[in-house]
């Protein structure tokens, strides 16, 4: 794999792990462009023995899987925030109870 592809690959993994989806989207485009350029510059004989397709498939499969995991994590966190918000709203509409009750 070329140094440029390797660098973009590392940056893409870092962006996904850091949940920077905007950067990750840009890096996927850069990666595919660099990959296409490298592949088209290779002679047919090198393409047949190249590990580039396997490496690219592994990276993009990992990126897809990581995106699915991050979405699940984000959805779980959103559910917690929504539940806390509903609880807070319900508590704010309750009538306050006196701290001390007197019996007469």
N, C-alpha and C. Protein backbone atom coordinates (compact mmCIF):
# COMPACT_ATOMS: atom_id res chain seq x y z
N UNK A 1 0.85 -1.18 0.00
CA UNK A 1 0.00 0.00 0.00
C UNK A 1 0.89 1.24 0.00
N UNK A 2 0.48 2.24 -0.73
CA UNK A 2 1.27 3.46 -0.80
C UNK A 2 1.23 4.20 0.54
N UNK A 3 2.21 5.06 0.72
CA UNK A 3 2.27 5.85 1.96
C UNK A 3 1.04 6.76 2.09
N UNK A 4 0.60 7.32 0.97
CA UNK A 4 -0.57 8.21 1.01
C UNK A 4 -1.81 7.44 1.47
N UNK A 5 -2.01 6.24 0.92
CA UNK A 5 -3.16 5.43 1.33
C UNK A 5 -3.06 5.03 2.79
N UNK A 6 -1.86 4.67 3.20
CA UNK A 6 -1.65 4.27 4.59
C UNK A 6 -1.96 5.43 5.54
N UNK A 7 -1.52 6.62 5.18
CA UNK A 7 -1.77 7.81 6.01
C UNK A 7 -3.27 8.10 6.09
N UNK A 8 -3.95 8.07 4.96
CA UNK A 8 -5.39 8.33 4.96
C UNK A 8 -6.12 7.25 5.76
N UNK A 9 -5.67 6.01 5.64
CA UNK A 9 -6.27 4.91 6.38
C UNK A 9 -6.18 5.14 7.89
N UNK A 10 -5.01 5.54 8.36
CA UNK A 10 -4.82 5.82 9.79
C UNK A 10 -5.71 6.99 10.23
N UNK A 11 -5.76 8.04 9.41
CA UNK A 11 -6.58 9.20 9.75
C UNK A 11 -8.07 8.84 9.78
N UNK A 12 -8.47 7.99 8.85
CA UNK A 12 -9.87 7.55 8.81
C UNK A 12 -10.22 6.76 10.06
N UNK A 13 -9.36 5.84 10.44
CA UNK A 13 -9.61 5.06 11.67
C UNK A 13 -9.69 5.99 12.88
N UNK A 14 -8.80 6.94 12.95
CA UNK A 14 -8.79 7.88 14.06
C UNK A 14 -10.07 8.71 14.08
N UNK A 15 -10.50 9.18 12.93
CA UNK A 15 -11.72 10.00 12.86
C UNK A 15 -12.93 9.19 13.30
N UNK A 16 -13.02 7.94 12.87
CA UNK A 16 -14.16 7.12 13.27
C UNK A 16 -14.13 6.79 14.76
N UNK A 17 -12.97 6.49 15.28
CA UNK A 17 -12.87 6.22 16.71
C UNK A 17 -13.20 7.45 17.54
N UNK A 18 -12.90 8.63 16.99
CA UNK A 18 -13.20 9.88 17.68
C UNK A 18 -14.58 10.42 17.37
N UNK A 19 -15.37 9.67 16.61
CA UNK A 19 -16.74 10.04 16.24
C UNK A 19 -16.80 11.34 15.44
N UNK A 20 -15.75 11.63 14.68
CA UNK A 20 -15.75 12.81 13.80
C UNK A 20 -16.24 12.37 12.43
N UNK A 21 -17.57 12.32 12.28
CA UNK A 21 -18.17 11.77 11.08
C UNK A 21 -17.98 12.64 9.85
N UNK A 22 -17.89 13.93 10.04
CA UNK A 22 -17.66 14.84 8.90
C UNK A 22 -16.27 14.58 8.32
N UNK A 23 -15.27 14.52 9.20
CA UNK A 23 -13.91 14.23 8.74
C UNK A 23 -13.83 12.84 8.14
N UNK A 24 -14.47 11.86 8.76
CA UNK A 24 -14.44 10.49 8.25
C UNK A 24 -15.03 10.42 6.85
N UNK A 25 -16.11 11.12 6.62
CA UNK A 25 -16.73 11.14 5.29
C UNK A 25 -15.77 11.71 4.25
N UNK A 26 -15.09 12.80 4.60
CA UNK A 26 -14.12 13.40 3.68
C UNK A 26 -12.97 12.44 3.41
N UNK A 27 -12.50 11.77 4.47
CA UNK A 27 -11.37 10.85 4.32
C UNK A 27 -11.72 9.62 3.50
N UNK A 28 -12.95 9.14 3.59
CA UNK A 28 -13.37 8.02 2.74
C UNK A 28 -13.29 8.42 1.28
N UNK A 29 -13.72 9.64 0.98
CA UNK A 29 -13.64 10.13 -0.41
C UNK A 29 -12.18 10.24 -0.86
N UNK A 30 -11.34 10.79 0.02
CA UNK A 30 -9.91 10.90 -0.31
C UNK A 30 -9.30 9.52 -0.51
N UNK A 31 -9.67 8.58 0.35
CA UNK A 31 -9.12 7.23 0.27
C UNK A 31 -9.50 6.57 -1.05
N UNK A 32 -10.78 6.66 -1.42
CA UNK A 32 -11.20 6.02 -2.66
C UNK A 32 -10.57 6.68 -3.87
N UNK A 33 -10.40 8.00 -3.85
CA UNK A 33 -9.74 8.68 -4.96
C UNK A 33 -8.27 8.25 -5.07
N UNK A 34 -7.57 8.21 -3.94
CA UNK A 34 -6.17 7.79 -3.95
C UNK A 34 -6.04 6.33 -4.36
N UNK A 35 -6.96 5.51 -3.91
CA UNK A 35 -6.96 4.09 -4.26
C UNK A 35 -7.17 3.91 -5.76
N UNK A 36 -8.14 4.63 -6.31
CA UNK A 36 -8.41 4.55 -7.75
C UNK A 36 -7.19 4.99 -8.55
N UNK A 37 -6.58 6.09 -8.13
CA UNK A 37 -5.40 6.61 -8.84
C UNK A 37 -4.26 5.59 -8.81
N UNK A 38 -4.01 5.01 -7.66
CA UNK A 38 -2.94 4.01 -7.54
C UNK A 38 -3.26 2.79 -8.39
N UNK A 39 -4.47 2.30 -8.32
CA UNK A 39 -4.87 1.10 -9.05
C UNK A 39 -4.75 1.31 -10.56
N UNK A 40 -5.19 2.45 -11.03
CA UNK A 40 -5.14 2.73 -12.46
C UNK A 40 -3.71 2.93 -12.95
N UNK A 41 -2.80 3.31 -12.06
CA UNK A 41 -1.41 3.50 -12.46
C UNK A 41 -0.62 2.19 -12.48
N UNK A 42 -1.18 1.13 -11.91
CA UNK A 42 -0.48 -0.14 -11.84
C UNK A 42 -0.64 -0.93 -13.14
N UNK A 43 0.43 -1.61 -13.57
CA UNK A 43 0.28 -2.50 -14.73
C UNK A 43 -0.62 -3.69 -14.37
N UNK A 44 -1.24 -4.25 -15.35
CA UNK A 44 -2.17 -5.38 -15.15
C UNK A 44 -1.51 -6.53 -14.40
N UNK A 45 -0.25 -6.78 -14.67
CA UNK A 45 0.45 -7.89 -14.02
C UNK A 45 0.59 -7.67 -12.50
N UNK A 46 0.77 -6.42 -12.08
CA UNK A 46 0.86 -6.11 -10.65
C UNK A 46 -0.50 -6.18 -9.97
N UNK A 47 -1.52 -5.81 -10.69
CA UNK A 47 -2.87 -5.82 -10.12
C UNK A 47 -3.27 -7.23 -9.68
N UNK A 48 -2.92 -8.21 -10.50
CA UNK A 48 -3.32 -9.60 -10.22
C UNK A 48 -2.74 -10.09 -8.90
N UNK A 49 -1.54 -9.66 -8.53
CA UNK A 49 -0.89 -10.13 -7.31
C UNK A 49 -1.00 -9.13 -6.16
N UNK A 50 -1.67 -8.03 -6.37
CA UNK A 50 -1.71 -6.96 -5.37
C UNK A 50 -2.59 -7.32 -4.17
N UNK A 51 -2.16 -6.87 -3.02
CA UNK A 51 -2.95 -7.04 -1.79
C UNK A 51 -3.86 -5.83 -1.55
N UNK A 52 -3.81 -4.86 -2.44
CA UNK A 52 -4.58 -3.63 -2.26
C UNK A 52 -6.09 -3.89 -2.15
N UNK A 53 -6.69 -4.71 -3.01
CA UNK A 53 -8.14 -4.94 -2.86
C UNK A 53 -8.51 -5.53 -1.50
N UNK A 54 -7.72 -6.48 -1.02
CA UNK A 54 -8.01 -7.09 0.28
C UNK A 54 -7.88 -6.05 1.40
N UNK A 55 -6.82 -5.25 1.36
CA UNK A 55 -6.60 -4.22 2.40
C UNK A 55 -7.69 -3.18 2.38
N UNK A 56 -8.10 -2.76 1.19
CA UNK A 56 -9.16 -1.77 1.07
C UNK A 56 -10.48 -2.33 1.59
N UNK A 57 -10.78 -3.58 1.23
CA UNK A 57 -12.01 -4.22 1.71
C UNK A 57 -12.00 -4.33 3.24
N UNK A 58 -10.86 -4.71 3.81
CA UNK A 58 -10.76 -4.81 5.27
C UNK A 58 -10.99 -3.46 5.94
N UNK A 59 -10.37 -2.41 5.39
CA UNK A 59 -10.54 -1.07 5.97
C UNK A 59 -11.99 -0.61 5.88
N UNK A 60 -12.58 -0.75 4.71
CA UNK A 60 -13.94 -0.25 4.53
C UNK A 60 -14.96 -1.09 5.29
N UNK A 61 -14.70 -2.38 5.45
CA UNK A 61 -15.57 -3.23 6.27
C UNK A 61 -15.47 -2.80 7.73
N UNK A 62 -14.24 -2.55 8.19
CA UNK A 62 -14.04 -2.08 9.57
C UNK A 62 -14.75 -0.73 9.76
N UNK A 63 -14.61 0.16 8.78
CA UNK A 63 -15.23 1.49 8.89
C UNK A 63 -16.75 1.36 8.97
N UNK A 64 -17.33 0.49 8.16
CA UNK A 64 -18.78 0.28 8.20
C UNK A 64 -19.19 -0.28 9.57
N UNK A 65 -18.47 -1.29 10.04
CA UNK A 65 -18.79 -1.89 11.33
C UNK A 65 -18.66 -0.89 12.47
N UNK A 66 -17.61 -0.08 12.42
CA UNK A 66 -17.40 0.93 13.46
C UNK A 66 -18.52 1.97 13.42
N UNK A 67 -18.97 2.32 12.25
CA UNK A 67 -20.07 3.28 12.12
C UNK A 67 -21.35 2.72 12.73
N UNK A 68 -21.61 1.44 12.50
CA UNK A 68 -22.79 0.79 13.08
C UNK A 68 -22.69 0.79 14.61
N UNK A 69 -21.51 0.47 15.13
CA UNK A 69 -21.30 0.46 16.58
C UNK A 69 -21.49 1.86 17.15
N UNK A 70 -20.89 2.87 16.52
CA UNK A 70 -21.00 4.26 17.02
C UNK A 70 -22.46 4.71 17.01
N UNK A 71 -23.21 4.33 15.96
CA UNK A 71 -24.62 4.71 15.91
C UNK A 71 -25.39 4.07 17.06
N UNK A 72 -25.08 2.81 17.36
CA UNK A 72 -25.76 2.13 18.47
C UNK A 72 -25.42 2.81 19.80
N UNK A 73 -24.16 3.17 19.98
CA UNK A 73 -23.74 3.87 21.21
C UNK A 73 -24.46 5.21 21.31
N UNK A 74 -24.46 5.95 20.21
CA UNK A 74 -25.12 7.26 20.21
C UNK A 74 -26.62 7.12 20.48
N UNK A 75 -27.26 6.10 19.92
CA UNK A 75 -28.69 5.89 20.14
C UNK A 75 -28.96 5.57 21.61
N UNK A 76 -28.10 4.76 22.22
CA UNK A 76 -28.27 4.42 23.63
C UNK A 76 -28.09 5.66 24.51
N UNK A 77 -27.10 6.49 24.18
CA UNK A 77 -26.89 7.71 24.94
C UNK A 77 -28.06 8.67 24.77
N UNK A 78 -28.60 8.77 23.57
CA UNK A 78 -29.76 9.63 23.33
C UNK A 78 -30.96 9.14 24.13
N UNK A 79 -31.14 7.83 24.20
CA UNK A 79 -32.27 7.28 24.98
C UNK A 79 -32.14 7.65 26.45
N UNK A 80 -30.93 7.63 26.98
CA UNK A 80 -30.70 8.01 28.38
C UNK A 80 -31.04 9.49 28.57
N UNK A 81 -30.60 10.34 27.66
CA UNK A 81 -30.88 11.77 27.76
C UNK A 81 -32.38 12.03 27.66
N UNK A 82 -33.06 11.35 26.74
CA UNK A 82 -34.50 11.54 26.61
C UNK A 82 -35.24 11.08 27.87
N UNK A 83 -34.82 9.97 28.43
CA UNK A 83 -35.45 9.48 29.65
C UNK A 83 -35.23 10.46 30.81
N UNK A 84 -34.02 10.96 30.94
CA UNK A 84 -33.71 11.93 31.99
C UNK A 84 -34.53 13.21 31.78
N UNK A 85 -34.69 13.61 30.55
CA UNK A 85 -35.47 14.82 30.25
C UNK A 85 -36.93 14.62 30.63
N UNK A 86 -37.49 13.47 30.30
CA UNK A 86 -38.89 13.19 30.67
C UNK A 86 -39.04 13.16 32.19
N UNK A 87 -38.10 12.55 32.86
CA UNK A 87 -38.13 12.47 34.32
C UNK A 87 -38.06 13.88 34.91
N UNK A 88 -37.16 14.68 34.39
CA UNK A 88 -37.01 16.05 34.88
C UNK A 88 -38.27 16.86 34.64
N UNK A 89 -38.88 16.70 33.49
CA UNK A 89 -40.11 17.43 33.18
C UNK A 89 -41.24 16.99 34.11
N UNK A 90 -41.32 15.70 34.38
CA UNK A 90 -42.36 15.20 35.28
C UNK A 90 -42.14 15.71 36.69
N UNK A 91 -40.91 15.77 37.13
CA UNK A 91 -40.60 16.26 38.48
C UNK A 91 -40.94 17.75 38.61
N UNK A 92 -40.74 18.51 37.55
CA UNK A 92 -40.98 19.96 37.64
C UNK A 92 -42.46 20.28 37.65
N UNK A 93 -43.33 19.37 37.22
CA UNK A 93 -44.77 19.63 37.23
C UNK A 93 -45.45 19.13 38.49
N UNK A 94 -44.72 18.38 39.32
CA UNK A 94 -45.29 17.90 40.58
C UNK A 94 -45.49 19.08 41.53
N UNK A 95 -46.52 18.94 42.39
CA UNK A 95 -46.68 19.95 43.44
C UNK A 95 -45.67 19.66 44.53
N UNK A 96 -45.01 20.69 45.00
CA UNK A 96 -43.99 20.47 46.02
C UNK A 96 -44.62 19.95 47.30
N UNK A 97 -43.97 19.01 47.92
CA UNK A 97 -44.44 18.46 49.19
C UNK A 97 -43.71 19.18 50.32
N UNK A 98 -44.41 19.42 51.39
CA UNK A 98 -43.72 20.07 52.51
C UNK A 98 -42.68 19.11 53.09
N UNK A 99 -41.60 19.69 53.53
CA UNK A 99 -40.50 18.89 54.08
C UNK A 99 -40.91 18.28 55.41
N UNK A 100 -41.72 18.99 56.19
CA UNK A 100 -42.15 18.50 57.49
C UNK A 100 -43.66 18.51 57.50
N UNK A 101 -44.24 17.42 57.93
CA UNK A 101 -45.68 17.34 58.01
C UNK A 101 -46.09 17.34 59.49
N UNK A 102 -47.12 18.13 59.80
CA UNK A 102 -47.61 18.21 61.17
C UNK A 102 -48.95 17.49 61.26
N UNK A 103 -49.10 16.80 62.35
CA UNK A 103 -50.36 16.13 62.57
C UNK A 103 -51.13 16.91 63.65
N UNK A 104 -52.32 17.05 63.47
CA UNK A 104 -53.08 17.85 64.39
C UNK A 104 -54.08 17.14 65.20
